[in-house]
Amino acid sequence: METITREQTVIRFRKEILNRARFKAKQNNMSLNAYLEEIVEEAVKPRIPKLPKDFKIDPEIEALSGMIPAPTKEMLEADDRLAYIINKGM
């Protein structure tokens, strides 16, 4: 079993938000800390997870790879978001 290390910190909330969070935590039978941690974890999780180097792509899926042309250098230079996404996968 993996040991989870937590770091103690201080966060200030408006009173009404904190009260609503306490209420929601209680509804879900959770501590306030566990409830807030779950919410923050969901908010900051990567949207596109990286695949492990040894990940094997299904041959049927791989066969589809030629159907969408790879972006050209000009396309990447014109679209920073596309360039970021393509470069993150490498």
PDB file of N, CA and C in Angstrom:
ATOM      1  N   MET A   1       0.842  -1.192   0.000  1.00  0.00           N
ATOM      2  CA  MET A   1       0.000   0.000   0.000  1.00  0.00           C
ATOM      3  C   MET A   1       0.882   1.248   0.000  1.00  0.00           C
ATOM      4  N   GLU A   2       0.527   2.205  -0.825  1.00  0.00           N
ATOM      5  CA  GLU A   2       1.304   3.429  -0.959  1.00  0.00           C
ATOM      6  C   GLU A   2       1.003   4.383   0.193  1.00  0.00           C
ATOM      7  N   THR A   3       2.057   4.955   0.751  1.00  0.00           N
ATOM      8  CA  THR A   3       1.896   5.946   1.813  1.00  0.00           C
ATOM      9  C   THR A   3       1.629   7.306   1.186  1.00  0.00           C
ATOM     10  N   ILE A   4       0.598   7.966   1.649  1.00  0.00           N
ATOM     11  CA  ILE A   4       0.257   9.301   1.142  1.00  0.00           C
ATOM     12  C   ILE A   4       0.808  10.332   2.113  1.00  0.00           C
ATOM     13  N   THR A   5       1.634  11.218   1.604  1.00  0.00           N
ATOM     14  CA  THR A   5       2.194  12.288   2.421  1.00  0.00           C
ATOM     15  C   THR A   5       1.368  13.542   2.203  1.00  0.00           C
ATOM     16  N   ARG A   6       0.948  14.137   3.269  1.00  0.00           N
ATOM     17  CA  ARG A   6       0.170  15.371   3.179  1.00  0.00           C
ATOM     18  C   ARG A   6       0.958  16.504   3.812  1.00  0.00           C
ATOM     19  N   GLU A   7       0.766  17.678   3.264  1.00  0.00           N
ATOM     20  CA  GLU A   7       1.426  18.867   3.791  1.00  0.00           C
ATOM     21  C   GLU A   7       0.366  19.779   4.391  1.00  0.00           C
ATOM     22  N   GLN A   8       0.607  20.203   5.583  1.00  0.00           N
ATOM     23  CA  GLN A   8      -0.349  21.079   6.244  1.00  0.00           C
ATOM     24  C   GLN A   8      -0.202  22.494   5.704  1.00  0.00           C
ATOM     25  N   THR A   9      -1.334  23.138   5.480  1.00  0.00           N
ATOM     26  CA  THR A   9      -1.332  24.503   4.968  1.00  0.00           C
ATOM     27  C   THR A   9      -2.519  25.255   5.545  1.00  0.00           C
ATOM     28  N   VAL A  10      -2.512  26.536   5.350  1.00  0.00           N
ATOM     29  CA  VAL A  10      -3.632  27.370   5.809  1.00  0.00           C
ATOM     30  C   VAL A  10      -4.250  28.019   4.583  1.00  0.00           C
ATOM     31  N   ILE A  11      -5.556  27.843   4.460  1.00  0.00           N
ATOM     32  CA  ILE A  11      -6.303  28.463   3.363  1.00  0.00           C
ATOM     33  C   ILE A  11      -7.467  29.221   3.977  1.00  0.00           C
ATOM     34  N   ARG A  12      -7.676  30.427   3.507  1.00  0.00           N
ATOM     35  CA  ARG A  12      -8.799  31.208   4.039  1.00  0.00           C
ATOM     36  C   ARG A  12      -9.948  31.183   3.047  1.00  0.00           C
ATOM     37  N   PHE A  13     -11.154  30.960   3.576  1.00  0.00           N
ATOM     38  CA  PHE A  13     -12.374  30.942   2.785  1.00  0.00           C
ATOM     39  C   PHE A  13     -13.352  31.945   3.373  1.00  0.00           C
ATOM     40  N   ARG A  14     -14.237  32.437   2.530  1.00  0.00           N
ATOM     41  CA  ARG A  14     -15.342  33.230   3.072  1.00  0.00           C
ATOM     42  C   ARG A  14     -16.174  32.292   3.929  1.00  0.00           C
ATOM     43  N   LYS A  15     -16.752  32.838   4.990  1.00  0.00           N
ATOM     44  CA  LYS A  15     -17.474  32.027   5.959  1.00  0.00           C
ATOM     45  C   LYS A  15     -18.615  31.237   5.330  1.00  0.00           C
ATOM     46  N   GLU A  16     -19.371  31.862   4.425  1.00  0.00           N
ATOM     47  CA  GLU A  16     -20.511  31.165   3.830  1.00  0.00           C
ATOM     48  C   GLU A  16     -20.065  29.992   2.943  1.00  0.00           C
ATOM     49  N   ILE A  17     -18.946  30.144   2.260  1.00  0.00           N
ATOM     50  CA  ILE A  17     -18.433  29.043   1.434  1.00  0.00           C
ATOM     51  C   ILE A  17     -17.963  27.897   2.326  1.00  0.00           C
ATOM     52  N   LEU A  18     -17.259  28.225   3.383  1.00  0.00           N
ATOM     53  CA  LEU A  18     -16.774  27.199   4.303  1.00  0.00           C
ATOM     54  C   LEU A  18     -17.937  26.459   4.957  1.00  0.00           C
ATOM     55  N   ASN A  19     -18.976  27.181   5.318  1.00  0.00           N
ATOM     56  CA  ASN A  19     -20.147  26.531   5.921  1.00  0.00           C
ATOM     57  C   ASN A  19     -20.833  25.582   4.943  1.00  0.00           C
ATOM     58  N   ARG A  20     -20.936  25.997   3.668  1.00  0.00           N
ATOM     59  CA  ARG A  20     -21.535  25.116   2.655  1.00  0.00           C
ATOM     60  C   ARG A  20     -20.668  23.885   2.420  1.00  0.00           C
ATOM     61  N   ALA A  21     -19.351  24.074   2.437  1.00  0.00           N
ATOM     62  CA  ALA A  21     -18.436  22.943   2.251  1.00  0.00           C
ATOM     63  C   ALA A  21     -18.558  21.964   3.421  1.00  0.00           C
ATOM     64  N   ARG A  22     -18.655  22.488   4.632  1.00  0.00           N
ATOM     65  CA  ARG A  22     -18.849  21.616   5.803  1.00  0.00           C
ATOM     66  C   ARG A  22     -20.143  20.807   5.670  1.00  0.00           C
ATOM     67  N   PHE A  23     -21.190  21.470   5.230  1.00  0.00           N
ATOM     68  CA  PHE A  23     -22.484  20.815   5.059  1.00  0.00           C
ATOM     69  C   PHE A  23     -22.387  19.705   4.016  1.00  0.00           C
ATOM     70  N   LYS A  24     -21.765  20.015   2.859  1.00  0.00           N
ATOM     71  CA  LYS A  24     -21.619  19.019   1.797  1.00  0.00           C
ATOM     72  C   LYS A  24     -20.758  17.849   2.264  1.00  0.00           C
ATOM     73  N   ALA A  25     -19.693  18.134   2.997  1.00  0.00           N
ATOM     74  CA  ALA A  25     -18.824  17.070   3.513  1.00  0.00           C
ATOM     75  C   ALA A  25     -19.622  16.146   4.421  1.00  0.00           C
ATOM     76  N   LYS A  26     -20.437  16.735   5.288  1.00  0.00           N
ATOM     77  CA  LYS A  26     -21.251  15.939   6.207  1.00  0.00           C
ATOM     78  C   LYS A  26     -22.265  15.090   5.437  1.00  0.00           C
ATOM     79  N   GLN A  27     -22.875  15.657   4.399  1.00  0.00           N
ATOM     80  CA  GLN A  27     -23.823  14.906   3.564  1.00  0.00           C
ATOM     81  C   GLN A  27     -23.170  13.682   2.937  1.00  0.00           C
ATOM     82  N   ASN A  28     -21.893  13.816   2.603  1.00  0.00           N
ATOM     83  CA  ASN A  28     -21.155  12.733   1.950  1.00  0.00           C
ATOM     84  C   ASN A  28     -20.384  11.867   2.941  1.00  0.00           C
ATOM     85  N   ASN A  29     -20.672  12.051   4.240  1.00  0.00           N
ATOM     86  CA  ASN A  29     -19.988  11.295   5.292  1.00  0.00           C
ATOM     87  C   ASN A  29     -18.466  11.389   5.166  1.00  0.00           C
ATOM     88  N   MET A  30     -17.985  12.618   4.959  1.00  0.00           N
ATOM     89  CA  MET A  30     -16.552  12.859   4.797  1.00  0.00           C
ATOM     90  C   MET A  30     -16.117  13.953   5.755  1.00  0.00           C
ATOM     91  N   SER A  31     -14.832  13.951   6.048  1.00  0.00           N
ATOM     92  CA  SER A  31     -14.289  15.078   6.797  1.00  0.00           C
ATOM     93  C   SER A  31     -14.202  16.266   5.843  1.00  0.00           C
ATOM     94  N   LEU A  32     -14.140  17.449   6.391  1.00  0.00           N
ATOM     95  CA  LEU A  32     -14.002  18.649   5.563  1.00  0.00           C
ATOM     96  C   LEU A  32     -12.723  18.559   4.744  1.00  0.00           C
ATOM     97  N   ASN A  33     -11.646  18.120   5.368  1.00  0.00           N
ATOM     98  CA  ASN A  33     -10.371  18.003   4.668  1.00  0.00           C
ATOM     99  C   ASN A  33     -10.481  17.037   3.482  1.00  0.00           C
ATOM    100  N   ALA A  34     -11.059  15.862   3.700  1.00  0.00           N
ATOM    101  CA  ALA A  34     -11.195  14.872   2.627  1.00  0.00           C
ATOM    102  C   ALA A  34     -12.074  15.412   1.506  1.00  0.00           C
ATOM    103  N   TYR A  35     -13.135  16.111   1.859  1.00  0.00           N
ATOM    104  CA  TYR A  35     -14.045  16.667   0.863  1.00  0.00           C
ATOM    105  C   TYR A  35     -13.337  17.711   0.010  1.00  0.00           C
ATOM    106  N   LEU A  36     -12.635  18.641   0.641  1.00  0.00           N
ATOM    107  CA  LEU A  36     -11.937  19.694  -0.093  1.00  0.00           C
ATOM    108  C   LEU A  36     -10.809  19.110  -0.941  1.00  0.00           C
ATOM    109  N   GLU A  37     -10.116  18.110  -0.397  1.00  0.00           N
ATOM    110  CA  GLU A  37      -9.038  17.473  -1.154  1.00  0.00           C
ATOM    111  C   GLU A  37      -9.599  16.814  -2.417  1.00  0.00           C
ATOM    112  N   GLU A  38     -10.740  16.160  -2.309  1.00  0.00           N
ATOM    113  CA  GLU A  38     -11.369  15.510  -3.459  1.00  0.00           C
ATOM    114  C   GLU A  38     -11.746  16.535  -4.530  1.00  0.00           C
ATOM    115  N   ILE A  39     -12.294  17.656  -4.101  1.00  0.00           N
ATOM    116  CA  ILE A  39     -12.698  18.703  -5.043  1.00  0.00           C
ATOM    117  C   ILE A  39     -11.487  19.293  -5.745  1.00  0.00           C
ATOM    118  N   VAL A  40     -10.446  19.605  -4.989  1.00  0.00           N
ATOM    119  CA  VAL A  40      -9.242  20.197  -5.586  1.00  0.00           C
ATOM    120  C   VAL A  40      -8.568  19.194  -6.515  1.00  0.00           C
ATOM    121  N   GLU A  41      -8.512  17.933  -6.100  1.00  0.00           N
ATOM    122  CA  GLU A  41      -7.890  16.910  -6.945  1.00  0.00           C
ATOM    123  C   GLU A  41      -8.598  16.821  -8.292  1.00  0.00           C
ATOM    124  N   GLU A  42      -9.904  16.859  -8.283  1.00  0.00           N
ATOM    125  CA  GLU A  42     -10.671  16.807  -9.526  1.00  0.00           C
ATOM    126  C   GLU A  42     -10.399  18.042 -10.384  1.00  0.00           C
ATOM    127  N   ALA A  43     -10.278  19.195  -9.740  1.00  0.00           N
ATOM    128  CA  ALA A  43     -10.079  20.448 -10.467  1.00  0.00           C
ATOM    129  C   ALA A  43      -8.702  20.533 -11.119  1.00  0.00           C
ATOM    130  N   VAL A  44      -7.703  19.895 -10.545  1.00  0.00           N
ATOM    131  CA  VAL A  44      -6.338  20.042 -11.066  1.00  0.00           C
ATOM    132  C   VAL A  44      -5.808  18.811 -11.795  1.00  0.00           C
ATOM    133  N   LYS A  45      -6.623  17.772 -11.946  1.00  0.00           N
ATOM    134  CA  LYS A  45      -6.122  16.569 -12.609  1.00  0.00           C
ATOM    135  C   LYS A  45      -5.867  16.860 -14.078  1.00  0.00           C
ATOM    136  N   PRO A  46      -4.853  16.196 -14.659  1.00  0.00           N
ATOM    137  CA  PRO A  46      -4.559  16.418 -16.073  1.00  0.00           C
ATOM    138  C   PRO A  46      -5.733  15.986 -16.942  1.00  0.00           C
ATOM    139  N   ARG A  47      -6.022  16.763 -17.935  1.00  0.00           N
ATOM    140  CA  ARG A  47      -7.145  16.445 -18.820  1.00  0.00           C
ATOM    141  C   ARG A  47      -6.765  15.392 -19.852  1.00  0.00           C
ATOM    142  N   ILE A  48      -5.506  15.398 -20.280  1.00  0.00           N
ATOM    143  CA  ILE A  48      -5.042  14.412 -21.241  1.00  0.00           C
ATOM    144  C   ILE A  48      -3.865  13.688 -20.596  1.00  0.00           C
ATOM    145  N   PRO A  49      -4.106  12.506 -20.038  1.00  0.00           N
ATOM    146  CA  PRO A  49      -3.020  11.795 -19.368  1.00  0.00           C
ATOM    147  C   PRO A  49      -1.975  11.303 -20.366  1.00  0.00           C
ATOM    148  N   LYS A  50      -0.720  11.303 -19.926  1.00  0.00           N
ATOM    149  CA  LYS A  50       0.352  10.770 -20.757  1.00  0.00           C
ATOM    150  C   LYS A  50       0.311   9.253 -20.691  1.00  0.00           C
ATOM    151  N   LEU A  51       0.576   8.628 -21.823  1.00  0.00           N
ATOM    152  CA  LEU A  51       0.598   7.177 -21.876  1.00  0.00           C
ATOM    153  C   LEU A  51       1.994   6.679 -21.531  1.00  0.00           C
ATOM    154  N   PRO A  52       2.080   5.537 -20.866  1.00  0.00           N
ATOM    155  CA  PRO A  52       3.396   4.982 -20.573  1.00  0.00           C
ATOM    156  C   PRO A  52       4.113   4.611 -21.872  1.00  0.00           C
ATOM    157  N   LYS A  53       5.439   4.627 -21.844  1.00  0.00           N
ATOM    158  CA  LYS A  53       6.240   4.337 -23.042  1.00  0.00           C
ATOM    159  C   LYS A  53       5.935   2.961 -23.621  1.00  0.00           C
ATOM    160  N   ASP A  54       5.601   1.981 -22.765  1.00  0.00           N
ATOM    161  CA  ASP A  54       5.348   0.625 -23.244  1.00  0.00           C
ATOM    162  C   ASP A  54       3.875   0.382 -23.607  1.00  0.00           C
ATOM    163  N   PHE A  55       3.070   1.448 -23.688  1.00  0.00           N
ATOM    164  CA  PHE A  55       1.657   1.322 -24.022  1.00  0.00           C
ATOM    165  C   PHE A  55       1.500   0.802 -25.447  1.00  0.00           C
ATOM    166  N   LYS A  56       0.694  -0.219 -25.622  1.00  0.00           N
ATOM    167  CA  LYS A  56       0.456  -0.806 -26.935  1.00  0.00           C
ATOM    168  C   LYS A  56      -0.906  -0.352 -27.461  1.00  0.00           C
ATOM    169  N   ILE A  57      -0.890   0.220 -28.648  1.00  0.00           N
ATOM    170  CA  ILE A  57      -2.123   0.686 -29.281  1.00  0.00           C
ATOM    171  C   ILE A  57      -2.754  -0.488 -30.028  1.00  0.00           C
ATOM    172  N   ASP A  58      -4.055  -0.621 -29.888  1.00  0.00           N
ATOM    173  CA  ASP A  58      -4.803  -1.667 -30.586  1.00  0.00           C
ATOM    174  C   ASP A  58      -4.560  -1.499 -32.091  1.00  0.00           C
ATOM    175  N   PRO A  59      -4.233  -2.583 -32.804  1.00  0.00           N
ATOM    176  CA  PRO A  59      -3.956  -2.496 -34.250  1.00  0.00           C
ATOM    177  C   PRO A  59      -5.084  -1.848 -35.051  1.00  0.00           C
ATOM    178  N   GLU A  60      -6.329  -2.077 -34.661  1.00  0.00           N
ATOM    179  CA  GLU A  60      -7.458  -1.465 -35.379  1.00  0.00           C
ATOM    180  C   GLU A  60      -7.454   0.049 -35.217  1.00  0.00           C
ATOM    181  N   ILE A  61      -7.095   0.492 -34.034  1.00  0.00           N
ATOM    182  CA  ILE A  61      -7.003   1.939 -33.792  1.00  0.00           C
ATOM    183  C   ILE A  61      -5.805   2.510 -34.538  1.00  0.00           C
ATOM    184  N   GLU A  62      -4.695   1.806 -34.492  1.00  0.00           N
ATOM    185  CA  GLU A  62      -3.480   2.271 -35.175  1.00  0.00           C
ATOM    186  C   GLU A  62      -3.710   2.394 -36.676  1.00  0.00           C
ATOM    187  N   ALA A  63      -4.529   1.517 -37.235  1.00  0.00           N
ATOM    188  CA  ALA A  63      -4.830   1.558 -38.670  1.00  0.00           C
ATOM    189  C   ALA A  63      -5.536   2.850 -39.058  1.00  0.00           C
ATOM    190  N   LEU A  64      -6.196   3.490 -38.120  1.00  0.00           N
ATOM    191  CA  LEU A  64      -6.905   4.741 -38.396  1.00  0.00           C
ATOM    192  C   LEU A  64      -5.971   5.950 -38.424  1.00  0.00           C
ATOM    193  N   SER A  65      -4.737   5.778 -37.980  1.00  0.00           N
ATOM    194  CA  SER A  65      -3.842   6.913 -37.792  1.00  0.00           C
ATOM    195  C   SER A  65      -3.554   7.684 -39.074  1.00  0.00           C
ATOM    196  N   GLY A  66      -3.582   7.043 -40.219  1.00  0.00           N
ATOM    197  CA  GLY A  66      -3.304   7.745 -41.466  1.00  0.00           C
ATOM    198  C   GLY A  66      -4.479   8.525 -42.006  1.00  0.00           C
ATOM    199  N   MET A  67      -5.625   8.414 -41.381  1.00  0.00           N
ATOM    200  CA  MET A  67      -6.827   9.058 -41.902  1.00  0.00           C
ATOM    201  C   MET A  67      -6.864  10.552 -41.618  1.00  0.00           C
ATOM    202  N   ILE A  68      -6.191  10.971 -40.561  1.00  0.00           N
ATOM    203  CA  ILE A  68      -6.135  12.393 -40.220  1.00  0.00           C
ATOM    204  C   ILE A  68      -4.712  12.850 -40.504  1.00  0.00           C
ATOM    205  N   PRO A  69      -4.529  13.797 -41.436  1.00  0.00           N
ATOM    206  CA  PRO A  69      -3.167  14.204 -41.776  1.00  0.00           C
ATOM    207  C   PRO A  69      -2.473  14.888 -40.595  1.00  0.00           C
ATOM    208  N   ALA A  70      -1.185  14.648 -40.512  1.00  0.00           N
ATOM    209  CA  ALA A  70      -0.390  15.297 -39.460  1.00  0.00           C
ATOM    210  C   ALA A  70      -0.340  16.791 -39.754  1.00  0.00           C
ATOM    211  N   PRO A  71      -0.341  17.626 -38.693  1.00  0.00           N
ATOM    212  CA  PRO A  71      -0.287  19.071 -38.939  1.00  0.00           C
ATOM    213  C   PRO A  71       1.057  19.464 -39.554  1.00  0.00           C
ATOM    214  N   THR A  72       0.998  20.432 -40.453  1.00  0.00           N
ATOM    215  CA  THR A  72       2.224  20.924 -41.088  1.00  0.00           C
ATOM    216  C   THR A  72       2.937  21.890 -40.149  1.00  0.00           C
ATOM    217  N   LYS A  73       4.177  22.194 -40.469  1.00  0.00           N
ATOM    218  CA  LYS A  73       4.959  23.159 -39.683  1.00  0.00           C
ATOM    219  C   LYS A  73       4.241  24.513 -39.655  1.00  0.00           C
ATOM    220  N   GLU A  74       3.683  24.892 -40.789  1.00  0.00           N
ATOM    221  CA  GLU A  74       2.960  26.166 -40.883  1.00  0.00           C
ATOM    222  C   GLU A  74       1.733  26.192 -39.968  1.00  0.00           C
ATOM    223  N   MET A  75       1.031  25.047 -39.925  1.00  0.00           N
ATOM    224  CA  MET A  75      -0.152  24.958 -39.049  1.00  0.00           C
ATOM    225  C   MET A  75       0.254  25.110 -37.591  1.00  0.00           C
ATOM    226  N   LEU A  76       1.351  24.459 -37.209  1.00  0.00           N
ATOM    227  CA  LEU A  76       1.812  24.539 -35.820  1.00  0.00           C
ATOM    228  C   LEU A  76       2.282  25.949 -35.472  1.00  0.00           C
ATOM    229  N   GLU A  77       2.935  26.614 -36.420  1.00  0.00           N
ATOM    230  CA  GLU A  77       3.393  27.994 -36.184  1.00  0.00           C
ATOM    231  C   GLU A  77       2.218  28.955 -36.062  1.00  0.00           C
ATOM    232  N   ALA A  78       1.125  28.658 -36.751  1.00  0.00           N
ATOM    233  CA  ALA A  78      -0.046  29.533 -36.733  1.00  0.00           C
ATOM    234  C   ALA A  78      -0.967  29.294 -35.546  1.00  0.00           C
ATOM    235  N   ASP A  79      -0.838  28.140 -34.904  1.00  0.00           N
ATOM    236  CA  ASP A  79      -1.754  27.788 -33.810  1.00  0.00           C
ATOM    237  C   ASP A  79      -0.958  27.314 -32.593  1.00  0.00           C
ATOM    238  N   ASP A  80      -0.754  28.215 -31.639  1.00  0.00           N
ATOM    239  CA  ASP A  80       0.032  27.892 -30.438  1.00  0.00           C
ATOM    240  C   ASP A  80      -0.582  26.753 -29.641  1.00  0.00           C
ATOM    241  N   ARG A  81      -1.910  26.709 -29.571  1.00  0.00           N
ATOM    242  CA  ARG A  81      -2.568  25.645 -28.799  1.00  0.00           C
ATOM    243  C   ARG A  81      -2.323  24.279 -29.426  1.00  0.00           C
ATOM    244  N   LEU A  82      -2.437  24.195 -30.749  1.00  0.00           N
ATOM    245  CA  LEU A  82      -2.184  22.942 -31.439  1.00  0.00           C
ATOM    246  C   LEU A  82      -0.726  22.507 -31.245  1.00  0.00           C
ATOM    247  N   ALA A  83       0.203  23.445 -31.366  1.00  0.00           N
ATOM    248  CA  ALA A  83       1.620  23.132 -31.182  1.00  0.00           C
ATOM    249  C   ALA A  83       1.874  22.625 -29.766  1.00  0.00           C
ATOM    250  N   TYR A  84       1.237  23.238 -28.799  1.00  0.00           N
ATOM    251  CA  TYR A  84       1.408  22.803 -27.395  1.00  0.00           C
ATOM    252  C   TYR A  84       0.908  21.367 -27.223  1.00  0.00           C
ATOM    253  N   ILE A  85      -0.263  21.074 -27.759  1.00  0.00           N
ATOM    254  CA  ILE A  85      -0.843  19.737 -27.613  1.00  0.00           C
ATOM    255  C   ILE A  85       0.039  18.692 -28.305  1.00  0.00           C
ATOM    256  N   ILE A  86       0.480  18.987 -29.515  1.00  0.00           N
ATOM    257  CA  ILE A  86       1.327  18.051 -30.264  1.00  0.00           C
ATOM    258  C   ILE A  86       2.647  17.834 -29.527  1.00  0.00           C
ATOM    259  N   ASN A  87       3.261  18.880 -29.036  1.00  0.00           N
ATOM    260  CA  ASN A  87       4.555  18.760 -28.363  1.00  0.00           C
ATOM    261  C   ASN A  87       4.454  18.095 -27.004  1.00  0.00           C
ATOM    262  N   LYS A  88       3.301  18.193 -26.334  1.00  0.00           N
ATOM    263  CA  LYS A  88       3.129  17.539 -25.038  1.00  0.00           C
ATOM    264  C   LYS A  88       3.092  16.021 -25.191  1.00  0.00           C
ATOM    265  N   GLY A  89       2.624  15.539 -26.326  1.00  0.00           N
ATOM    266  CA  GLY A  89       2.540  14.116 -26.564  1.00  0.00           C
ATOM    267  C   GLY A  89       3.884  13.471 -26.863  1.00  0.00           C
ATOM    268  N   MET A  90       4.877  14.285 -27.125  1.00  0.00           N
ATOM    269  CA  MET A  90       6.194  13.735 -27.492  1.00  0.00           C
ATOM    270  C   MET A  90       7.087  13.544 -26.288  1.00  0.00           C
TER     271      MET A  90
END
